[in-house]
């Protein structure tokens, strides 16, 4: 599979079953929106083939185009720390997402996320200067095949970023950030005062 610029997004070289003389394939490829090309190329031999493709939308909250559109701190999508659930995906051609949120006062955030069918992910928390405050690398639950995150973090007021990136696997994820005020007597800004 190639993207619109001809970049190789996904490929596989399969061997046939010597008994049936057939090469079966059933693959799920996760892609951002855009134009793609599917190519079949012989390695050895000749013959006929047939194929079928179907599509399941991720229903992303913020539509990403080829290669992703929120892959840096500067291009982070702004989300609200009010418990709203956002939907996104980690794709074969987009391995990282950045999310920005602002706190007008100090308090506790509760970052909740469910990663569907992804084996490992990294999620990290950064301050407004891009300094890493927290880094986690959760793994898939072998029963549900999902990763569930429910993390509470105490922060001063200011701008923050959460990044989600692939370690192993691709797929859809949902997340929310919920905020509870500390009701500080003396207001503190990012980094403390």
C-alpha atoms as a PDB file:
ATOM      1  CA  UNK A   1       0.000   0.000   0.000  1.00  0.00           C
ATOM      2  CA  UNK A   2       1.370   3.393  -1.038  1.00  0.00           C
ATOM      3  CA  UNK A   3       0.219   6.878  -0.060  1.00  0.00           C
ATOM      4  CA  UNK A   4      -0.486   9.629  -2.615  1.00  0.00           C
ATOM      5  CA  UNK A   5       3.197  10.624  -2.751  1.00  0.00           C
ATOM      6  CA  UNK A   6       4.288   7.047  -3.507  1.00  0.00           C
ATOM      7  CA  UNK A   7       5.662   6.342  -0.029  1.00  0.00           C
ATOM      8  CA  UNK A   8       5.464   2.697   1.048  1.00  0.00           C
ATOM      9  CA  UNK A   9       2.959   2.597   3.937  1.00  0.00           C
ATOM     10  CA  UNK A  10       2.574  -1.169   4.322  1.00  0.00           C
ATOM     11  CA  UNK A  11       3.931  -4.267   2.601  1.00  0.00           C
ATOM     12  CA  UNK A  12       4.165  -8.008   3.069  1.00  0.00           C
ATOM     13  CA  UNK A  13       5.857 -10.816   1.120  1.00  0.00           C
ATOM     14  CA  UNK A  14       3.957 -14.084   1.568  1.00  0.00           C
ATOM     15  CA  UNK A  15       4.686 -17.720   0.719  1.00  0.00           C
ATOM     16  CA  UNK A  16       2.144 -20.062  -0.760  1.00  0.00           C
ATOM     17  CA  UNK A  17       0.718 -23.185   0.805  1.00  0.00           C
ATOM     18  CA  UNK A  18       2.422 -25.963  -1.160  1.00  0.00           C
ATOM     19  CA  UNK A  19      -0.575 -28.284  -0.781  1.00  0.00           C
ATOM     20  CA  UNK A  20      -3.314 -25.890  -1.918  1.00  0.00           C
ATOM     21  CA  UNK A  21      -0.962 -23.758  -4.060  1.00  0.00           C
ATOM     22  CA  UNK A  22      -2.753 -20.687  -2.723  1.00  0.00           C
ATOM     23  CA  UNK A  23      -1.483 -17.641  -0.835  1.00  0.00           C
ATOM     24  CA  UNK A  24      -4.191 -16.549   1.612  1.00  0.00           C
ATOM     25  CA  UNK A  25      -4.042 -13.130   3.248  1.00  0.00           C
ATOM     26  CA  UNK A  26      -6.350 -11.426   5.736  1.00  0.00           C
ATOM     27  CA  UNK A  27      -4.800  -8.190   6.993  1.00  0.00           C
ATOM     28  CA  UNK A  28      -6.064  -5.130   8.813  1.00  0.00           C
ATOM     29  CA  UNK A  29      -4.281  -1.914   7.873  1.00  0.00           C
ATOM     30  CA  UNK A  30      -4.967   1.266   9.860  1.00  0.00           C
ATOM     31  CA  UNK A  31      -4.633   4.475   7.805  1.00  0.00           C
ATOM     32  CA  UNK A  32      -5.376   8.162   8.110  1.00  0.00           C
ATOM     33  CA  UNK A  33      -7.740   9.723   5.561  1.00  0.00           C
ATOM     34  CA  UNK A  34      -6.347  10.287   2.075  1.00  0.00           C
ATOM     35  CA  UNK A  35      -5.694   8.668  -1.285  1.00  0.00           C
ATOM     36  CA  UNK A  36      -3.876   5.326  -1.359  1.00  0.00           C
ATOM     37  CA  UNK A  37      -2.700   2.787  -3.922  1.00  0.00           C
ATOM     38  CA  UNK A  38      -2.823  -0.996  -3.557  1.00  0.00           C
ATOM     39  CA  UNK A  39      -0.183  -2.912  -5.504  1.00  0.00           C
ATOM     40  CA  UNK A  40       0.239  -6.650  -6.055  1.00  0.00           C
ATOM     41  CA  UNK A  41       3.591  -7.732  -7.417  1.00  0.00           C
ATOM     42  CA  UNK A  42       4.835 -11.216  -8.203  1.00  0.00           C
ATOM     43  CA  UNK A  43       7.915 -12.529  -6.487  1.00  0.00           C
ATOM     44  CA  UNK A  44       8.067 -15.851  -8.323  1.00  0.00           C
ATOM     45  CA  UNK A  45       5.648 -17.649 -10.622  1.00  0.00           C
ATOM     46  CA  UNK A  46       2.392 -16.520 -12.179  1.00  0.00           C
ATOM     47  CA  UNK A  47      -1.338 -17.012 -11.820  1.00  0.00           C
ATOM     48  CA  UNK A  48      -4.642 -15.386 -10.998  1.00  0.00           C
ATOM     49  CA  UNK A  49      -5.682 -13.623  -7.855  1.00  0.00           C
ATOM     50  CA  UNK A  50      -8.769 -12.058  -6.410  1.00  0.00           C
ATOM     51  CA  UNK A  51      -9.122  -9.636  -3.549  1.00  0.00           C
ATOM     52  CA  UNK A  52     -11.679  -7.736  -1.528  1.00  0.00           C
ATOM     53  CA  UNK A  53     -11.298  -4.639   0.636  1.00  0.00           C
ATOM     54  CA  UNK A  54     -13.663  -3.242   3.198  1.00  0.00           C
ATOM     55  CA  UNK A  55     -13.459  -0.118   5.295  1.00  0.00           C
ATOM     56  CA  UNK A  56     -14.407   0.656   8.883  1.00  0.00           C
ATOM     57  CA  UNK A  57     -14.226   4.348   9.859  1.00  0.00           C
ATOM     58  CA  UNK A  58     -12.498   5.288  13.107  1.00  0.00           C
ATOM     59  CA  UNK A  59     -14.838   8.292  13.572  1.00  0.00           C
ATOM     60  CA  UNK A  60     -11.972  10.457  14.825  1.00  0.00           C
ATOM     61  CA  UNK A  61     -12.885  13.588  16.720  1.00  0.00           C
ATOM     62  CA  UNK A  62     -10.185  15.466  14.749  1.00  0.00           C
ATOM     63  CA  UNK A  63      -9.817  14.181  11.173  1.00  0.00           C
ATOM     64  CA  UNK A  64      -6.189  13.422  10.318  1.00  0.00           C
ATOM     65  CA  UNK A  65      -4.853  13.349   6.779  1.00  0.00           C
ATOM     66  CA  UNK A  66      -1.982  11.314   5.310  1.00  0.00           C
ATOM     67  CA  UNK A  67       0.920  11.109   7.735  1.00  0.00           C
ATOM     68  CA  UNK A  68      -1.052  12.745  10.562  1.00  0.00           C
ATOM     69  CA  UNK A  69      -1.698  16.360  11.449  1.00  0.00           C
ATOM     70  CA  UNK A  70      -0.987  16.542  15.202  1.00  0.00           C
ATOM     71  CA  UNK A  71       2.447  14.949  15.396  1.00  0.00           C
ATOM     72  CA  UNK A  72       4.266  17.742  17.288  1.00  0.00           C
ATOM     73  CA  UNK A  73       3.700  20.067  20.251  1.00  0.00           C
ATOM     74  CA  UNK A  74       3.176  22.940  17.808  1.00  0.00           C
ATOM     75  CA  UNK A  75       0.421  21.105  15.900  1.00  0.00           C
ATOM     76  CA  UNK A  76      -1.318  19.555  18.933  1.00  0.00           C
ATOM     77  CA  UNK A  77      -5.114  19.473  18.894  1.00  0.00           C
ATOM     78  CA  UNK A  78      -6.657  21.357  21.818  1.00  0.00           C
ATOM     79  CA  UNK A  79      -8.926  19.286  24.054  1.00  0.00           C
ATOM     80  CA  UNK A  80     -10.942  20.268  27.084  1.00  0.00           C
ATOM     81  CA  UNK A  81     -10.226  18.888  30.582  1.00  0.00           C
ATOM     82  CA  UNK A  82     -13.961  18.615  31.301  1.00  0.00           C
ATOM     83  CA  UNK A  83     -14.371  14.842  30.856  1.00  0.00           C
ATOM     84  CA  UNK A  84     -15.305  14.975  27.154  1.00  0.00           C
ATOM     85  CA  UNK A  85     -14.413  11.733  25.358  1.00  0.00           C
ATOM     86  CA  UNK A  86     -12.288  12.084  22.221  1.00  0.00           C
ATOM     87  CA  UNK A  87     -11.663   9.390  19.592  1.00  0.00           C
ATOM     88  CA  UNK A  88      -8.403   8.975  17.660  1.00  0.00           C
ATOM     89  CA  UNK A  89      -6.226   6.275  16.150  1.00  0.00           C
ATOM     90  CA  UNK A  90      -2.637   5.155  15.847  1.00  0.00           C
ATOM     91  CA  UNK A  91      -2.204   4.313  12.158  1.00  0.00           C
ATOM     92  CA  UNK A  92       0.388   2.535  10.035  1.00  0.00           C
ATOM     93  CA  UNK A  93       1.285   5.942   8.605  1.00  0.00           C
ATOM     94  CA  UNK A  94       0.768   8.057  11.748  1.00  0.00           C
ATOM     95  CA  UNK A  95       2.360   6.704  14.884  1.00  0.00           C
ATOM     96  CA  UNK A  96       2.009   9.702  17.232  1.00  0.00           C
ATOM     97  CA  UNK A  97      -0.648  12.193  18.410  1.00  0.00           C
ATOM     98  CA  UNK A  98      -0.257  15.298  20.591  1.00  0.00           C
ATOM     99  CA  UNK A  99      -3.106  16.769  22.638  1.00  0.00           C
ATOM    100  CA  UNK A 100      -3.001  20.180  24.342  1.00  0.00           C
ATOM    101  CA  UNK A 101      -5.085  21.220  27.346  1.00  0.00           C
ATOM    102  CA  UNK A 102      -5.099  24.290  29.585  1.00  0.00           C
ATOM    103  CA  UNK A 103      -5.702  24.547  33.324  1.00  0.00           C
ATOM    104  CA  UNK A 104      -6.819  27.930  34.672  1.00  0.00           C
ATOM    105  CA  UNK A 105      -6.049  26.791  38.214  1.00  0.00           C
ATOM    106  CA  UNK A 106      -4.118  24.041  39.968  1.00  0.00           C
ATOM    107  CA  UNK A 107      -5.667  20.680  40.644  1.00  0.00           C
ATOM    108  CA  UNK A 108      -5.863  17.032  39.657  1.00  0.00           C
ATOM    109  CA  UNK A 109      -6.424  15.666  36.178  1.00  0.00           C
ATOM    110  CA  UNK A 110      -7.707  12.177  35.563  1.00  0.00           C
ATOM    111  CA  UNK A 111      -6.471  10.838  32.212  1.00  0.00           C
ATOM    112  CA  UNK A 112      -8.589   7.897  31.079  1.00  0.00           C
ATOM    113  CA  UNK A 113      -7.981   6.018  27.834  1.00  0.00           C
ATOM    114  CA  UNK A 114      -8.864   2.740  26.157  1.00  0.00           C
ATOM    115  CA  UNK A 115      -6.658   1.459  23.323  1.00  0.00           C
ATOM    116  CA  UNK A 116      -8.470  -1.187  21.280  1.00  0.00           C
ATOM    117  CA  UNK A 117      -6.409  -4.133  20.024  1.00  0.00           C
ATOM    118  CA  UNK A 118      -3.064  -2.333  20.434  1.00  0.00           C
ATOM    119  CA  UNK A 119      -0.357  -4.339  22.215  1.00  0.00           C
ATOM    120  CA  UNK A 120       1.828  -1.559  23.677  1.00  0.00           C
ATOM    121  CA  UNK A 121       1.669   2.249  23.673  1.00  0.00           C
ATOM    122  CA  UNK A 122       3.583   5.148  25.146  1.00  0.00           C
ATOM    123  CA  UNK A 123       1.733   8.057  26.642  1.00  0.00           C
ATOM    124  CA  UNK A 124       3.607  11.046  28.000  1.00  0.00           C
ATOM    125  CA  UNK A 125       2.793  14.314  29.755  1.00  0.00           C
ATOM    126  CA  UNK A 126       4.704  17.532  28.934  1.00  0.00           C
ATOM    127  CA  UNK A 127       4.614  21.058  30.358  1.00  0.00           C
ATOM    128  CA  UNK A 128       4.279  24.188  28.203  1.00  0.00           C
ATOM    129  CA  UNK A 129       8.066  24.241  27.607  1.00  0.00           C
ATOM    130  CA  UNK A 130       8.066  20.695  26.255  1.00  0.00           C
ATOM    131  CA  UNK A 131       9.657  19.241  29.398  1.00  0.00           C
ATOM    132  CA  UNK A 132       8.592  15.634  29.980  1.00  0.00           C
ATOM    133  CA  UNK A 133       6.786  15.287  33.323  1.00  0.00           C
ATOM    134  CA  UNK A 134       5.552  11.705  33.058  1.00  0.00           C
ATOM    135  CA  UNK A 135       6.085   8.710  30.774  1.00  0.00           C
ATOM    136  CA  UNK A 136       4.120   5.435  30.805  1.00  0.00           C
ATOM    137  CA  UNK A 137       4.286   2.325  28.603  1.00  0.00           C
ATOM    138  CA  UNK A 138       1.206   0.168  29.366  1.00  0.00           C
ATOM    139  CA  UNK A 139       0.565  -3.190  27.712  1.00  0.00           C
ATOM    140  CA  UNK A 140      -2.460  -5.032  26.398  1.00  0.00           C
ATOM    141  CA  UNK A 141      -4.702  -7.044  28.724  1.00  0.00           C
ATOM    142  CA  UNK A 142      -4.542 -10.631  27.427  1.00  0.00           C
ATOM    143  CA  UNK A 143      -8.242 -11.217  28.135  1.00  0.00           C
ATOM    144  CA  UNK A 144      -9.772  -8.094  26.563  1.00  0.00           C
ATOM    145  CA  UNK A 145      -6.951  -7.350  24.056  1.00  0.00           C
ATOM    146  CA  UNK A 146      -7.240  -3.700  25.109  1.00  0.00           C
ATOM    147  CA  UNK A 147      -5.109  -1.291  27.120  1.00  0.00           C
ATOM    148  CA  UNK A 148      -7.003   0.658  29.786  1.00  0.00           C
ATOM    149  CA  UNK A 149      -5.410   3.708  31.433  1.00  0.00           C
ATOM    150  CA  UNK A 150      -6.846   5.499  34.475  1.00  0.00           C
ATOM    151  CA  UNK A 151      -4.170   7.858  35.806  1.00  0.00           C
ATOM    152  CA  UNK A 152      -4.492  10.773  38.249  1.00  0.00           C
ATOM    153  CA  UNK A 153      -1.872  13.542  38.093  1.00  0.00           C
ATOM    154  CA  UNK A 154      -1.619  16.720  40.207  1.00  0.00           C
ATOM    155  CA  UNK A 155      -0.628  19.853  38.263  1.00  0.00           C
ATOM    156  CA  UNK A 156      -0.329  23.597  38.756  1.00  0.00           C
ATOM    157  CA  UNK A 157      -2.209  25.892  36.375  1.00  0.00           C
ATOM    158  CA  UNK A 158      -0.853  26.281  32.858  1.00  0.00           C
ATOM    159  CA  UNK A 159      -0.681  24.638  29.446  1.00  0.00           C
ATOM    160  CA  UNK A 160       0.096  20.930  29.146  1.00  0.00           C
ATOM    161  CA  UNK A 161       0.438  18.319  26.421  1.00  0.00           C
ATOM    162  CA  UNK A 162      -0.240  14.601  26.303  1.00  0.00           C
ATOM    163  CA  UNK A 163       1.324  12.510  23.561  1.00  0.00           C
ATOM    164  CA  UNK A 164       0.210   9.044  22.538  1.00  0.00           C
ATOM    165  CA  UNK A 165       2.547   6.984  20.376  1.00  0.00           C
ATOM    166  CA  UNK A 166       2.853   3.474  19.060  1.00  0.00           C
ATOM    167  CA  UNK A 167       5.143   0.908  20.632  1.00  0.00           C
ATOM    168  CA  UNK A 168       3.559  -2.194  19.065  1.00  0.00           C
ATOM    169  CA  UNK A 169       0.338  -2.274  17.080  1.00  0.00           C
ATOM    170  CA  UNK A 170      -2.165   0.075  15.474  1.00  0.00           C
ATOM    171  CA  UNK A 171      -5.776   0.882  16.128  1.00  0.00           C
ATOM    172  CA  UNK A 172      -8.406   3.131  17.582  1.00  0.00           C
ATOM    173  CA  UNK A 173      -8.399   4.707  21.031  1.00  0.00           C
ATOM    174  CA  UNK A 174     -10.718   6.843  23.153  1.00  0.00           C
ATOM    175  CA  UNK A 175      -9.571   9.187  25.892  1.00  0.00           C
ATOM    176  CA  UNK A 176     -10.780  11.887  28.257  1.00  0.00           C
ATOM    177  CA  UNK A 177      -9.180  14.344  30.665  1.00  0.00           C
ATOM    178  CA  UNK A 178     -11.206  15.311  33.697  1.00  0.00           C
ATOM    179  CA  UNK A 179     -10.115  18.115  36.033  1.00  0.00           C
ATOM    180  CA  UNK A 180     -10.788  18.686  39.731  1.00  0.00           C
ATOM    181  CA  UNK A 181      -9.647  21.960  41.300  1.00  0.00           C
ATOM    182  CA  UNK A 182      -7.303  22.025  44.294  1.00  0.00           C
ATOM    183  CA  UNK A 183      -8.925  25.337  45.416  1.00  0.00           C
ATOM    184  CA  UNK A 184      -5.515  26.769  46.283  1.00  0.00           C
ATOM    185  CA  UNK A 185      -5.402  29.780  48.549  1.00  0.00           C
ATOM    186  CA  UNK A 186      -2.373  31.060  46.608  1.00  0.00           C
ATOM    187  CA  UNK A 187      -2.639  30.532  42.855  1.00  0.00           C
ATOM    188  CA  UNK A 188       0.398  28.724  41.362  1.00  0.00           C
ATOM    189  CA  UNK A 189       1.415  28.717  37.727  1.00  0.00           C
ATOM    190  CA  UNK A 190       3.200  26.067  35.661  1.00  0.00           C
ATOM    191  CA  UNK A 191       6.231  24.836  37.611  1.00  0.00           C
ATOM    192  CA  UNK A 192       5.101  26.309  40.925  1.00  0.00           C
ATOM    193  CA  UNK A 193       5.643  29.740  42.465  1.00  0.00           C
END
